[in-house]
Amino acid sequence: MSGHHIIPLKALLGAGVALLVLTFLTVAVTWIHIPEPFNVVVAIAIAVVKAAVVCLIFMNLYWDNKFNTLVFLSSILFLLIFIAITLLDTLFRDIPFGIY
């Protein structure tokens, strides 16, 4: 273990404000007309930033041993690889009789 770390109140409040602003931004993106494939990309990008804030501040990855951050990021990479392989499989399926 890398020891116990007490998170400063300033960091907690900053993370809370950032998450609140990003949540409002996510809702604002739904009201703005963005072309079809890009609205999902913007929403996922905002969600990734929110997840990064939660992981860095509330899971203490910012102050923890960098090896733990590497393990966490490699697990996310493998998750993305498995999802990509699954989505590639759906491209080559035969859809019977035009049923979607």
PDB file of N, CA and C in Angstrom:
ATOM      1  N   MET A   1       0.841  -1.173   0.000  1.00  0.00           N
ATOM      2  CA  MET A   1       0.000   0.000   0.000  1.00  0.00           C
ATOM      3  C   MET A   1       0.886   1.237   0.000  1.00  0.00           C
ATOM      4  N   SER A   2       0.333   2.275  -0.552  1.00  0.00           N
ATOM      5  CA  SER A   2       1.103   3.504  -0.630  1.00  0.00           C
ATOM      6  C   SER A   2       0.835   4.434   0.545  1.00  0.00           C
ATOM      7  N   GLY A   3       0.061   4.016   1.506  1.00  0.00           N
ATOM      8  CA  GLY A   3      -0.222   4.849   2.663  1.00  0.00           C
ATOM      9  C   GLY A   3      -1.581   5.513   2.552  1.00  0.00           C
ATOM     10  N   HIS A   4      -1.974   6.124   3.635  1.00  0.00           N
ATOM     11  CA  HIS A   4      -3.284   6.768   3.680  1.00  0.00           C
ATOM     12  C   HIS A   4      -3.116   8.241   3.333  1.00  0.00           C
ATOM     13  N   HIS A   5      -3.984   8.730   2.460  1.00  0.00           N
ATOM     14  CA  HIS A   5      -3.903  10.122   2.050  1.00  0.00           C
ATOM     15  C   HIS A   5      -5.217  10.827   2.354  1.00  0.00           C
ATOM     16  N   ILE A   6      -5.135  11.977   2.972  1.00  0.00           N
ATOM     17  CA  ILE A   6      -6.326  12.784   3.238  1.00  0.00           C
ATOM     18  C   ILE A   6      -6.471  13.787   2.107  1.00  0.00           C
ATOM     19  N   ILE A   7      -7.611  13.732   1.443  1.00  0.00           N
ATOM     20  CA  ILE A   7      -7.847  14.612   0.299  1.00  0.00           C
ATOM     21  C   ILE A   7      -8.175  16.011   0.819  1.00  0.00           C
ATOM     22  N   PRO A   8      -7.528  17.035   0.277  1.00  0.00           N
ATOM     23  CA  PRO A   8      -7.834  18.403   0.717  1.00  0.00           C
ATOM     24  C   PRO A   8      -9.270  18.794   0.354  1.00  0.00           C
ATOM     25  N   LEU A   9      -9.871  19.604   1.185  1.00  0.00           N
ATOM     26  CA  LEU A   9     -11.241  20.054   0.957  1.00  0.00           C
ATOM     27  C   LEU A   9     -11.357  20.824  -0.358  1.00  0.00           C
ATOM     28  N   LYS A  10     -10.320  21.548  -0.713  1.00  0.00           N
ATOM     29  CA  LYS A  10     -10.314  22.305  -1.956  1.00  0.00           C
ATOM     30  C   LYS A  10     -10.441  21.369  -3.170  1.00  0.00           C
ATOM     31  N   ALA A  11      -9.761  20.234  -3.118  1.00  0.00           N
ATOM     32  CA  ALA A  11      -9.838  19.270  -4.216  1.00  0.00           C
ATOM     33  C   ALA A  11     -11.222  18.627  -4.285  1.00  0.00           C
ATOM     34  N   LEU A  12     -11.797  18.322  -3.135  1.00  0.00           N
ATOM     35  CA  LEU A  12     -13.131  17.728  -3.115  1.00  0.00           C
ATOM     36  C   LEU A  12     -14.181  18.696  -3.648  1.00  0.00           C
ATOM     37  N   LEU A  13     -14.109  19.941  -3.209  1.00  0.00           N
ATOM     38  CA  LEU A  13     -15.063  20.934  -3.704  1.00  0.00           C
ATOM     39  C   LEU A  13     -14.855  21.218  -5.186  1.00  0.00           C
ATOM     40  N   GLY A  14     -13.611  21.258  -5.621  1.00  0.00           N
ATOM     41  CA  GLY A  14     -13.322  21.463  -7.041  1.00  0.00           C
ATOM     42  C   GLY A  14     -13.853  20.325  -7.900  1.00  0.00           C
ATOM     43  N   ALA A  15     -13.685  19.088  -7.405  1.00  0.00           N
ATOM     44  CA  ALA A  15     -14.205  17.937  -8.145  1.00  0.00           C
ATOM     45  C   ALA A  15     -15.729  17.960  -8.167  1.00  0.00           C
ATOM     46  N   GLY A  16     -16.338  18.329  -7.048  1.00  0.00           N
ATOM     47  CA  GLY A  16     -17.800  18.406  -7.006  1.00  0.00           C
ATOM     48  C   GLY A  16     -18.347  19.459  -7.949  1.00  0.00           C
ATOM     49  N   VAL A  17     -17.697  20.619  -7.983  1.00  0.00           N
ATOM     50  CA  VAL A  17     -18.131  21.683  -8.893  1.00  0.00           C
ATOM     51  C   VAL A  17     -17.918  21.258 -10.345  1.00  0.00           C
ATOM     52  N   ALA A  18     -16.791  20.603 -10.622  1.00  0.00           N
ATOM     53  CA  ALA A  18     -16.521  20.139 -11.983  1.00  0.00           C
ATOM     54  C   ALA A  18     -17.556  19.119 -12.433  1.00  0.00           C
ATOM     55  N   LEU A  19     -17.916  18.203 -11.545  1.00  0.00           N
ATOM     56  CA  LEU A  19     -18.928  17.207 -11.897  1.00  0.00           C
ATOM     57  C   LEU A  19     -20.288  17.851 -12.107  1.00  0.00           C
ATOM     58  N   LEU A  20     -20.618  18.837 -11.311  1.00  0.00           N
ATOM     59  CA  LEU A  20     -21.890  19.540 -11.473  1.00  0.00           C
ATOM     60  C   LEU A  20     -21.934  20.312 -12.796  1.00  0.00           C
ATOM     61  N   VAL A  21     -20.846  21.005 -13.114  1.00  0.00           N
ATOM     62  CA  VAL A  21     -20.786  21.753 -14.376  1.00  0.00           C
ATOM     63  C   VAL A  21     -20.849  20.798 -15.569  1.00  0.00           C
ATOM     64  N   LEU A  22     -20.133  19.682 -15.484  1.00  0.00           N
ATOM     65  CA  LEU A  22     -20.159  18.722 -16.587  1.00  0.00           C
ATOM     66  C   LEU A  22     -21.528  18.055 -16.734  1.00  0.00           C
ATOM     67  N   THR A  23     -22.244  17.887 -15.633  1.00  0.00           N
ATOM     68  CA  THR A  23     -23.599  17.352 -15.724  1.00  0.00           C
ATOM     69  C   THR A  23     -24.520  18.339 -16.419  1.00  0.00           C
ATOM     70  N   PHE A  24     -24.425  19.614 -16.056  1.00  0.00           N
ATOM     71  CA  PHE A  24     -25.212  20.634 -16.743  1.00  0.00           C
ATOM     72  C   PHE A  24     -24.825  20.732 -18.218  1.00  0.00           C
ATOM     73  N   LEU A  25     -23.547  20.553 -18.512  1.00  0.00           N
ATOM     74  CA  LEU A  25     -23.094  20.573 -19.900  1.00  0.00           C
ATOM     75  C   LEU A  25     -23.663  19.394 -20.688  1.00  0.00           C
ATOM     76  N   THR A  26     -23.760  18.239 -20.048  1.00  0.00           N
ATOM     77  CA  THR A  26     -24.352  17.075 -20.696  1.00  0.00           C
ATOM     78  C   THR A  26     -25.814  17.337 -21.043  1.00  0.00           C
ATOM     79  N   VAL A  27     -26.540  17.946 -20.124  1.00  0.00           N
ATOM     80  CA  VAL A  27     -27.943  18.269 -20.386  1.00  0.00           C
ATOM     81  C   VAL A  27     -28.044  19.345 -21.470  1.00  0.00           C
ATOM     82  N   ALA A  28     -27.139  20.319 -21.456  1.00  0.00           N
ATOM     83  CA  ALA A  28     -27.162  21.380 -22.466  1.00  0.00           C
ATOM     84  C   ALA A  28     -26.878  20.837 -23.861  1.00  0.00           C
ATOM     85  N   VAL A  29     -26.055  19.807 -23.948  1.00  0.00           N
ATOM     86  CA  VAL A  29     -25.749  19.209 -25.248  1.00  0.00           C
ATOM     87  C   VAL A  29     -26.997  18.573 -25.863  1.00  0.00           C
ATOM     88  N   THR A  30     -27.907  18.098 -25.039  1.00  0.00           N
ATOM     89  CA  THR A  30     -29.126  17.500 -25.585  1.00  0.00           C
ATOM     90  C   THR A  30     -30.049  18.552 -26.180  1.00  0.00           C
ATOM     91  N   TRP A  31     -29.956  19.797 -25.726  1.00  0.00           N
ATOM     92  CA  TRP A  31     -30.815  20.854 -26.246  1.00  0.00           C
ATOM     93  C   TRP A  31     -30.230  21.502 -27.505  1.00  0.00           C
ATOM     94  N   ILE A  32     -28.921  21.402 -27.675  1.00  0.00           N
ATOM     95  CA  ILE A  32     -28.258  21.978 -28.841  1.00  0.00           C
ATOM     96  C   ILE A  32     -28.366  20.984 -29.994  1.00  0.00           C
ATOM     97  N   HIS A  33     -28.617  21.503 -31.198  1.00  0.00           N
ATOM     98  CA  HIS A  33     -28.684  20.621 -32.357  1.00  0.00           C
ATOM     99  C   HIS A  33     -27.266  20.326 -32.853  1.00  0.00           C
ATOM    100  N   ILE A  34     -26.836  19.099 -32.626  1.00  0.00           N
ATOM    101  CA  ILE A  34     -25.546  18.623 -33.113  1.00  0.00           C
ATOM    102  C   ILE A  34     -25.854  17.505 -34.105  1.00  0.00           C
ATOM    103  N   PRO A  35     -25.163  17.442 -35.240  1.00  0.00           N
ATOM    104  CA  PRO A  35     -25.444  16.370 -36.211  1.00  0.00           C
ATOM    105  C   PRO A  35     -25.355  14.989 -35.567  1.00  0.00           C
ATOM    106  N   GLU A  36     -26.064  14.044 -36.167  1.00  0.00           N
ATOM    107  CA  GLU A  36     -26.376  12.748 -35.562  1.00  0.00           C
ATOM    108  C   GLU A  36     -25.198  11.962 -34.981  1.00  0.00           C
ATOM    109  N   PRO A  37     -24.125  11.650 -35.690  1.00  0.00           N
ATOM    110  CA  PRO A  37     -23.118  10.819 -35.006  1.00  0.00           C
ATOM    111  C   PRO A  37     -22.313  11.592 -33.967  1.00  0.00           C
ATOM    112  N   PHE A  38     -22.258  12.911 -34.087  1.00  0.00           N
ATOM    113  CA  PHE A  38     -21.389  13.683 -33.197  1.00  0.00           C
ATOM    114  C   PHE A  38     -22.023  13.961 -31.839  1.00  0.00           C
ATOM    115  N   ASN A  39     -23.347  13.918 -31.742  1.00  0.00           N
ATOM    116  CA  ASN A  39     -23.966  14.158 -30.442  1.00  0.00           C
ATOM    117  C   ASN A  39     -23.624  13.043 -29.455  1.00  0.00           C
ATOM    118  N   VAL A  40     -23.536  11.823 -29.956  1.00  0.00           N
ATOM    119  CA  VAL A  40     -23.146  10.708 -29.092  1.00  0.00           C
ATOM    120  C   VAL A  40     -21.672  10.823 -28.716  1.00  0.00           C
ATOM    121  N   VAL A  41     -20.849  11.241 -29.652  1.00  0.00           N
ATOM    122  CA  VAL A  41     -19.415  11.397 -29.380  1.00  0.00           C
ATOM    123  C   VAL A  41     -19.181  12.471 -28.318  1.00  0.00           C
ATOM    124  N   VAL A  42     -19.908  13.574 -28.407  1.00  0.00           N
ATOM    125  CA  VAL A  42     -19.766  14.649 -27.412  1.00  0.00           C
ATOM    126  C   VAL A  42     -20.239  14.174 -26.035  1.00  0.00           C
ATOM    127  N   ALA A  43     -21.360  13.469 -26.010  1.00  0.00           N
ATOM    128  CA  ALA A  43     -21.880  12.972 -24.730  1.00  0.00           C
ATOM    129  C   ALA A  43     -20.925  11.960 -24.099  1.00  0.00           C
ATOM    130  N   ILE A  44     -20.351  11.085 -24.892  1.00  0.00           N
ATOM    131  CA  ILE A  44     -19.400  10.108 -24.355  1.00  0.00           C
ATOM    132  C   ILE A  44     -18.113  10.790 -23.911  1.00  0.00           C
ATOM    133  N   ALA A  45     -17.676  11.806 -24.633  1.00  0.00           N
ATOM    134  CA  ALA A  45     -16.466  12.537 -24.231  1.00  0.00           C
ATOM    135  C   ALA A  45     -16.673  13.215 -22.877  1.00  0.00           C
ATOM    136  N   ILE A  46     -17.841  13.813 -22.679  1.00  0.00           N
ATOM    137  CA  ILE A  46     -18.137  14.433 -21.383  1.00  0.00           C
ATOM    138  C   ILE A  46     -18.185  13.372 -20.285  1.00  0.00           C
ATOM    139  N   ALA A  47     -18.769  12.220 -20.585  1.00  0.00           N
ATOM    140  CA  ALA A  47     -18.834  11.139 -19.598  1.00  0.00           C
ATOM    141  C   ALA A  47     -17.442  10.612 -19.247  1.00  0.00           C
ATOM    142  N   VAL A  48     -16.552  10.567 -20.219  1.00  0.00           N
ATOM    143  CA  VAL A  48     -15.183  10.108 -19.958  1.00  0.00           C
ATOM    144  C   VAL A  48     -14.455  11.101 -19.053  1.00  0.00           C
ATOM    145  N   VAL A  49     -14.662  12.387 -19.281  1.00  0.00           N
ATOM    146  CA  VAL A  49     -14.035  13.401 -18.420  1.00  0.00           C
ATOM    147  C   VAL A  49     -14.583  13.299 -17.000  1.00  0.00           C
ATOM    148  N   LYS A  50     -15.899  13.102 -16.868  1.00  0.00           N
ATOM    149  CA  LYS A  50     -16.485  12.945 -15.536  1.00  0.00           C
ATOM    150  C   LYS A  50     -15.943  11.694 -14.840  1.00  0.00           C
ATOM    151  N   ALA A  51     -15.803  10.609 -15.580  1.00  0.00           N
ATOM    152  CA  ALA A  51     -15.250   9.386 -14.993  1.00  0.00           C
ATOM    153  C   ALA A  51     -13.795   9.585 -14.581  1.00  0.00           C
ATOM    154  N   ALA A  52     -13.045  10.346 -15.367  1.00  0.00           N
ATOM    155  CA  ALA A  52     -11.653  10.613 -15.016  1.00  0.00           C
ATOM    156  C   ALA A  52     -11.560  11.436 -13.738  1.00  0.00           C
ATOM    157  N   VAL A  53     -12.439  12.407 -13.576  1.00  0.00           N
ATOM    158  CA  VAL A  53     -12.446  13.209 -12.346  1.00  0.00           C
ATOM    159  C   VAL A  53     -12.751  12.329 -11.139  1.00  0.00           C
ATOM    160  N   VAL A  54     -13.746  11.466 -11.279  1.00  0.00           N
ATOM    161  CA  VAL A  54     -14.103  10.577 -10.167  1.00  0.00           C
ATOM    162  C   VAL A  54     -12.950   9.637  -9.832  1.00  0.00           C
ATOM    163  N   CYS A  55     -12.318   9.060 -10.858  1.00  0.00           N
ATOM    164  CA  CYS A  55     -11.213   8.126 -10.607  1.00  0.00           C
ATOM    165  C   CYS A  55     -10.012   8.825  -9.990  1.00  0.00           C
ATOM    166  N   LEU A  56      -9.685   9.996 -10.482  1.00  0.00           N
ATOM    167  CA  LEU A  56      -8.500  10.686  -9.975  1.00  0.00           C
ATOM    168  C   LEU A  56      -8.689  11.198  -8.554  1.00  0.00           C
ATOM    169  N   ILE A  57      -9.828  11.800  -8.278  1.00  0.00           N
ATOM    170  CA  ILE A  57     -10.023  12.433  -6.971  1.00  0.00           C
ATOM    171  C   ILE A  57     -10.587  11.454  -5.947  1.00  0.00           C
ATOM    172  N   PHE A  58     -11.733  10.850  -6.265  1.00  0.00           N
ATOM    173  CA  PHE A  58     -12.417  10.046  -5.259  1.00  0.00           C
ATOM    174  C   PHE A  58     -11.830   8.643  -5.092  1.00  0.00           C
ATOM    175  N   MET A  59     -11.150   8.132  -6.116  1.00  0.00           N
ATOM    176  CA  MET A  59     -10.474   6.843  -5.976  1.00  0.00           C
ATOM    177  C   MET A  59      -8.990   7.012  -5.640  1.00  0.00           C
ATOM    178  N   ASN A  60      -8.565   8.269  -5.412  1.00  0.00           N
ATOM    179  CA  ASN A  60      -7.200   8.614  -4.999  1.00  0.00           C
ATOM    180  C   ASN A  60      -6.123   8.194  -5.990  1.00  0.00           C
ATOM    181  N   LEU A  61      -6.460   8.039  -7.272  1.00  0.00           N
ATOM    182  CA  LEU A  61      -5.427   7.672  -8.234  1.00  0.00           C
ATOM    183  C   LEU A  61      -4.452   8.817  -8.497  1.00  0.00           C
ATOM    184  N   TYR A  62      -4.848  10.027  -8.222  1.00  0.00           N
ATOM    185  CA  TYR A  62      -3.953  11.169  -8.413  1.00  0.00           C
ATOM    186  C   TYR A  62      -2.783  11.123  -7.434  1.00  0.00           C
ATOM    187  N   TRP A  63      -3.039  10.695  -6.205  1.00  0.00           N
ATOM    188  CA  TRP A  63      -2.004  10.665  -5.175  1.00  0.00           C
ATOM    189  C   TRP A  63      -1.436   9.273  -4.948  1.00  0.00           C
ATOM    190  N   ASP A  64      -2.013   8.273  -5.566  1.00  0.00           N
ATOM    191  CA  ASP A  64      -1.607   6.890  -5.322  1.00  0.00           C
ATOM    192  C   ASP A  64      -0.368   6.535  -6.150  1.00  0.00           C
ATOM    193  N   ASN A  65       0.104   5.324  -5.929  1.00  0.00           N
ATOM    194  CA  ASN A  65       1.229   4.797  -6.681  1.00  0.00           C
ATOM    195  C   ASN A  65       0.867   4.760  -8.161  1.00  0.00           C
ATOM    196  N   LYS A  66       1.779   5.151  -9.031  1.00  0.00           N
ATOM    197  CA  LYS A  66       1.499   5.213 -10.468  1.00  0.00           C
ATOM    198  C   LYS A  66       1.262   3.835 -11.073  1.00  0.00           C
ATOM    199  N   PHE A  67       1.727   2.789 -10.419  1.00  0.00           N
ATOM    200  CA  PHE A  67       1.468   1.441 -10.908  1.00  0.00           C
ATOM    201  C   PHE A  67      -0.028   1.126 -10.849  1.00  0.00           C
ATOM    202  N   ASN A  68      -0.703   1.593  -9.813  1.00  0.00           N
ATOM    203  CA  ASN A  68      -2.148   1.370  -9.718  1.00  0.00           C
ATOM    204  C   ASN A  68      -2.891   2.093 -10.831  1.00  0.00           C
ATOM    205  N   THR A  69      -2.435   3.264 -11.192  1.00  0.00           N
ATOM    206  CA  THR A  69      -3.023   3.986 -12.320  1.00  0.00           C
ATOM    207  C   THR A  69      -2.794   3.223 -13.613  1.00  0.00           C
ATOM    208  N   LEU A  70      -1.610   2.660 -13.780  1.00  0.00           N
ATOM    209  CA  LEU A  70      -1.315   1.867 -14.970  1.00  0.00           C
ATOM    210  C   LEU A  70      -2.198   0.632 -15.043  1.00  0.00           C
ATOM    211  N   VAL A  71      -2.412  -0.029 -13.932  1.00  0.00           N
ATOM    212  CA  VAL A  71      -3.292  -1.212 -13.903  1.00  0.00           C
ATOM    213  C   VAL A  71      -4.726  -0.816 -14.249  1.00  0.00           C
ATOM    214  N   PHE A  72      -5.185   0.295 -13.700  1.00  0.00           N
ATOM    215  CA  PHE A  72      -6.543   0.755 -13.995  1.00  0.00           C
ATOM    216  C   PHE A  72      -6.704   1.096 -15.472  1.00  0.00           C
ATOM    217  N   LEU A  73      -5.758   1.834 -16.036  1.00  0.00           N
ATOM    218  CA  LEU A  73      -5.846   2.215 -17.442  1.00  0.00           C
ATOM    219  C   LEU A  73      -5.729   1.012 -18.370  1.00  0.00           C
ATOM    220  N   SER A  74      -4.912   0.030 -18.001  1.00  0.00           N
ATOM    221  CA  SER A  74      -4.816  -1.172 -18.836  1.00  0.00           C
ATOM    222  C   SER A  74      -6.105  -1.981 -18.786  1.00  0.00           C
ATOM    223  N   SER A  75      -6.795  -1.982 -17.654  1.00  0.00           N
ATOM    224  CA  SER A  75      -8.079  -2.684 -17.599  1.00  0.00           C
ATOM    225  C   SER A  75      -9.119  -1.995 -18.478  1.00  0.00           C
ATOM    226  N   ILE A  76      -9.098  -0.657 -18.516  1.00  0.00           N
ATOM    227  CA  ILE A  76      -9.997   0.090 -19.400  1.00  0.00           C
ATOM    228  C   ILE A  76      -9.650  -0.206 -20.863  1.00  0.00           C
ATOM    229  N   LEU A  77      -8.366  -0.288 -21.177  1.00  0.00           N
ATOM    230  CA  LEU A  77      -7.948  -0.600 -22.544  1.00  0.00           C
ATOM    231  C   LEU A  77      -8.456  -1.971 -22.974  1.00  0.00           C
ATOM    232  N   PHE A  78      -8.322  -2.972 -22.114  1.00  0.00           N
ATOM    233  CA  PHE A  78      -8.803  -4.305 -22.457  1.00  0.00           C
ATOM    234  C   PHE A  78     -10.323  -4.333 -22.583  1.00  0.00           C
ATOM    235  N   LEU A  79     -11.020  -3.572 -21.776  1.00  0.00           N
ATOM    236  CA  LEU A  79     -12.472  -3.479 -21.910  1.00  0.00           C
ATOM    237  C   LEU A  79     -12.844  -2.907 -23.273  1.00  0.00           C
ATOM    238  N   LEU A  80     -12.154  -1.855 -23.693  1.00  0.00           N
ATOM    239  CA  LEU A  80     -12.422  -1.269 -25.005  1.00  0.00           C
ATOM    240  C   LEU A  80     -12.095  -2.231 -26.138  1.00  0.00           C
ATOM    241  N   ILE A  81     -11.035  -3.005 -25.992  1.00  0.00           N
ATOM    242  CA  ILE A  81     -10.692  -4.007 -27.007  1.00  0.00           C
ATOM    243  C   ILE A  81     -11.777  -5.066 -27.096  1.00  0.00           C
ATOM    244  N   PHE A  82     -12.271  -5.555 -25.967  1.00  0.00           N
ATOM    245  CA  PHE A  82     -13.323  -6.570 -25.987  1.00  0.00           C
ATOM    246  C   PHE A  82     -14.613  -6.026 -26.587  1.00  0.00           C
ATOM    247  N   ILE A  83     -14.948  -4.793 -26.294  1.00  0.00           N
ATOM    248  CA  ILE A  83     -16.143  -4.189 -26.881  1.00  0.00           C
ATOM    249  C   ILE A  83     -15.960  -4.026 -28.389  1.00  0.00           C
ATOM    250  N   ALA A  84     -14.772  -3.602 -28.812  1.00  0.00           N
ATOM    251  CA  ALA A  84     -14.513  -3.434 -30.245  1.00  0.00           C
ATOM    252  C   ALA A  84     -14.603  -4.764 -30.986  1.00  0.00           C
ATOM    253  N   ILE A  85     -14.080  -5.823 -30.393  1.00  0.00           N
ATOM    254  CA  ILE A  85     -14.161  -7.138 -31.046  1.00  0.00           C
ATOM    255  C   ILE A  85     -15.615  -7.584 -31.149  1.00  0.00           C
ATOM    256  N   THR A  86     -16.394  -7.335 -30.126  1.00  0.00           N
ATOM    257  CA  THR A  86     -17.808  -7.683 -30.167  1.00  0.00           C
ATOM    258  C   THR A  86     -18.543  -6.880 -31.232  1.00  0.00           C
ATOM    259  N   LEU A  87     -18.250  -5.594 -31.337  1.00  0.00           N
ATOM    260  CA  LEU A  87     -18.895  -4.778 -32.354  1.00  0.00           C
ATOM    261  C   LEU A  87     -18.460  -5.164 -33.763  1.00  0.00           C
ATOM    262  N   LEU A  88     -17.216  -5.605 -33.927  1.00  0.00           N
ATOM    263  CA  LEU A  88     -16.783  -6.093 -35.229  1.00  0.00           C
ATOM    264  C   LEU A  88     -17.551  -7.343 -35.637  1.00  0.00           C
ATOM    265  N   ASP A  89     -17.884  -8.168 -34.668  1.00  0.00           N
ATOM    266  CA  ASP A  89     -18.652  -9.374 -34.960  1.00  0.00           C
ATOM    267  C   ASP A  89     -20.041  -9.028 -35.477  1.00  0.00           C
ATOM    268  N   THR A  90     -20.621  -7.962 -34.986  1.00  0.00           N
ATOM    269  CA  THR A  90     -21.967  -7.602 -35.428  1.00  0.00           C
ATOM    270  C   THR A  90     -21.985  -7.074 -36.861  1.00  0.00           C
ATOM    271  N   LEU A  91     -20.844  -6.651 -37.391  1.00  0.00           N
ATOM    272  CA  LEU A  91     -20.799  -6.163 -38.767  1.00  0.00           C
ATOM    273  C   LEU A  91     -20.968  -7.283 -39.790  1.00  0.00           C
ATOM    274  N   PHE A  92     -20.612  -8.490 -39.425  1.00  0.00           N
ATOM    275  CA  PHE A  92     -20.608  -9.587 -40.377  1.00  0.00           C
ATOM    276  C   PHE A  92     -21.730 -10.586 -40.149  1.00  0.00           C
ATOM    277  N   ARG A  93     -22.749 -10.205 -39.433  1.00  0.00           N
ATOM    278  CA  ARG A  93     -23.898 -11.088 -39.229  1.00  0.00           C
ATOM    279  C   ARG A  93     -24.874 -10.944 -40.382  1.00  0.00           C
ATOM    280  N   ASP A  94     -25.486 -12.057 -40.772  1.00  0.00           N
ATOM    281  CA  ASP A  94     -26.537 -12.011 -41.780  1.00  0.00           C
ATOM    282  C   ASP A  94     -27.852 -11.714 -41.096  1.00  0.00           C
ATOM    283  N   ILE A  95     -28.540 -10.719 -41.619  1.00  0.00           N
ATOM    284  CA  ILE A  95     -29.843 -10.368 -41.059  1.00  0.00           C
ATOM    285  C   ILE A  95     -30.899 -11.030 -41.942  1.00  0.00           C
ATOM    286  N   PRO A  96     -31.646 -11.989 -41.404  1.00  0.00           N
ATOM    287  CA  PRO A  96     -32.603 -12.725 -42.245  1.00  0.00           C
ATOM    288  C   PRO A  96     -33.803 -11.864 -42.628  1.00  0.00           C
ATOM    289  N   PHE A  97     -34.122 -11.862 -43.907  1.00  0.00           N
ATOM    290  CA  PHE A  97     -35.333 -11.258 -44.442  1.00  0.00           C
ATOM    291  C   PHE A  97     -35.445  -9.759 -44.152  1.00  0.00           C
ATOM    292  N   GLY A  98     -34.322  -9.085 -43.966  1.00  0.00           N
ATOM    293  CA  GLY A  98     -34.340  -7.650 -43.767  1.00  0.00           C
ATOM    294  C   GLY A  98     -34.869  -7.198 -42.424  1.00  0.00           C
ATOM    295  N   ILE A  99     -34.927  -8.089 -41.434  1.00  0.00           N
ATOM    296  CA  ILE A  99     -35.405  -7.727 -40.102  1.00  0.00           C
ATOM    297  C   ILE A  99     -34.277  -7.056 -39.352  1.00  0.00           C
ATOM    298  N   TYR A 100     -34.548  -5.924 -38.791  1.00  0.00           N
ATOM    299  CA  TYR A 100     -33.495  -5.190 -38.062  1.00  0.00           C
ATOM    300  C   TYR A 100     -33.765  -5.228 -36.599  1.00  0.00           C
TER     301      TYR A 100
END
